[in-house]
């Protein structure tokens, strides 16, 4: 894998959209998926890109989410194992 993944979990769909906008403006990353739980009250965003870009985007997104008191978790996975892609349902997308 020559890319990294960033995951950020935020409370409330509207705030998640704001955080995603911040992350994609902060660095050269690609939005790859979103998972909503509890009717959109808890949202996990997944981004992809070079390690430095993913780190910068997650830091920027986490800062915004913290300022709104909505951040639940934020992680960066450098060179994810192929099994992680299956777990996130990204393996089909990578084959294309």
Protein backbone atom coordinates (compact mmCIF):
# COMPACT_ATOMS: atom_id res chain seq x y z
CA UNK A 1 0.00 0.00 0.00
CA UNK A 2 1.40 3.34 -0.97
CA UNK A 3 -1.26 5.34 0.84
CA UNK A 4 -2.53 5.93 4.36
CA UNK A 5 -6.00 6.10 5.84
CA UNK A 6 -7.41 8.62 8.27
CA UNK A 7 -10.50 8.00 10.37
CA UNK A 8 -12.33 10.57 12.42
CA UNK A 9 -15.49 10.04 14.42
CA UNK A 10 -17.74 13.00 15.08
CA UNK A 11 -21.02 13.56 16.85
CA UNK A 12 -23.76 14.90 14.51
CA UNK A 13 -23.96 14.73 10.73
CA UNK A 14 -23.88 18.50 10.18
CA UNK A 15 -20.66 18.82 12.15
CA UNK A 16 -19.19 15.87 10.23
CA UNK A 17 -19.79 17.68 6.95
CA UNK A 18 -18.04 20.78 8.29
CA UNK A 19 -15.08 18.66 9.47
CA UNK A 20 -14.87 16.89 6.09
CA UNK A 21 -14.81 20.24 4.31
CA UNK A 22 -11.98 21.38 6.58
CA UNK A 23 -9.97 18.20 6.02
CA UNK A 24 -10.25 18.24 2.25
CA UNK A 25 -9.23 21.90 2.15
CA UNK A 26 -6.31 21.41 4.55
CA UNK A 27 -4.48 18.74 2.53
CA UNK A 28 -4.51 16.70 -0.66
CA UNK A 29 -6.70 13.83 0.57
CA UNK A 30 -9.58 11.87 -0.90
CA UNK A 31 -12.83 11.21 0.91
CA UNK A 32 -13.52 7.47 0.62
CA UNK A 33 -16.40 6.60 2.93
CA UNK A 34 -18.78 7.61 5.68
CA UNK A 35 -20.60 5.50 8.21
CA UNK A 36 -23.55 6.84 10.18
CA UNK A 37 -24.76 5.32 13.41
CA UNK A 38 -27.65 6.23 15.66
CA UNK A 39 -29.52 8.00 12.86
CA UNK A 40 -26.59 10.25 11.99
CA UNK A 41 -25.79 11.21 15.56
CA UNK A 42 -22.39 9.50 15.29
CA UNK A 43 -20.49 9.73 12.01
CA UNK A 44 -17.17 8.17 11.00
CA UNK A 45 -15.36 9.70 8.04
CA UNK A 46 -12.56 7.89 6.20
CA UNK A 47 -10.01 9.72 4.06
CA UNK A 48 -7.08 8.47 2.01
CA UNK A 49 -3.81 9.96 0.75
CA UNK A 50 -0.11 10.26 1.42
CA UNK A 51 0.82 9.89 5.08
CA UNK A 52 1.79 13.54 5.57
CA UNK A 53 -1.40 14.78 3.91
CA UNK A 54 -3.61 12.42 5.92
CA UNK A 55 -1.94 13.49 9.17
CA UNK A 56 -2.42 17.17 8.33
CA UNK A 57 -6.05 16.65 7.34
CA UNK A 58 -6.90 14.64 10.47
CA UNK A 59 -5.20 17.23 12.69
CA UNK A 60 -7.18 20.05 11.03
CA UNK A 61 -10.44 18.12 11.23
CA UNK A 62 -9.86 17.13 14.85
CA UNK A 63 -9.17 20.74 15.78
CA UNK A 64 -12.50 21.86 14.31
CA UNK A 65 -14.37 18.96 15.93
CA UNK A 66 -12.75 19.74 19.31
CA UNK A 67 -13.74 23.39 19.04
CA UNK A 68 -17.35 22.24 18.54
CA UNK A 69 -16.98 19.71 21.38
CA UNK A 70 -17.97 16.92 18.96
CA UNK A 71 -14.76 14.87 18.50
CA UNK A 72 -15.06 11.23 19.56
CA UNK A 73 -11.92 9.70 17.98
CA UNK A 74 -9.27 10.39 15.34
CA UNK A 75 -6.69 7.95 13.96
CA UNK A 76 -4.20 7.65 11.11
CA UNK A 77 -3.25 4.25 9.68
CA UNK A 78 -0.04 4.30 7.65
CA UNK A 79 0.11 1.72 4.85
CA UNK A 80 -2.96 -0.24 5.96
CA UNK A 81 -2.94 -4.01 5.68
CA UNK A 82 -5.25 -5.36 2.93
CA UNK A 83 -7.50 -6.90 5.60
CA UNK A 84 -8.24 -3.40 6.93
CA UNK A 85 -9.53 -2.45 3.47
CA UNK A 86 -11.94 -5.40 3.59
CA UNK A 87 -13.15 -4.34 7.01
CA UNK A 88 -13.88 -0.83 5.72
CA UNK A 89 -15.39 -2.21 2.49
CA UNK A 90 -12.72 -0.45 0.44
CA UNK A 91 -11.22 -3.55 -1.20
CA UNK A 92 -13.68 -3.49 -4.10
CA UNK A 93 -12.87 0.18 -4.76
CA UNK A 94 -9.11 -0.48 -4.76
CA UNK A 95 -9.41 -3.18 -7.45
CA UNK A 96 -11.00 -0.78 -9.94
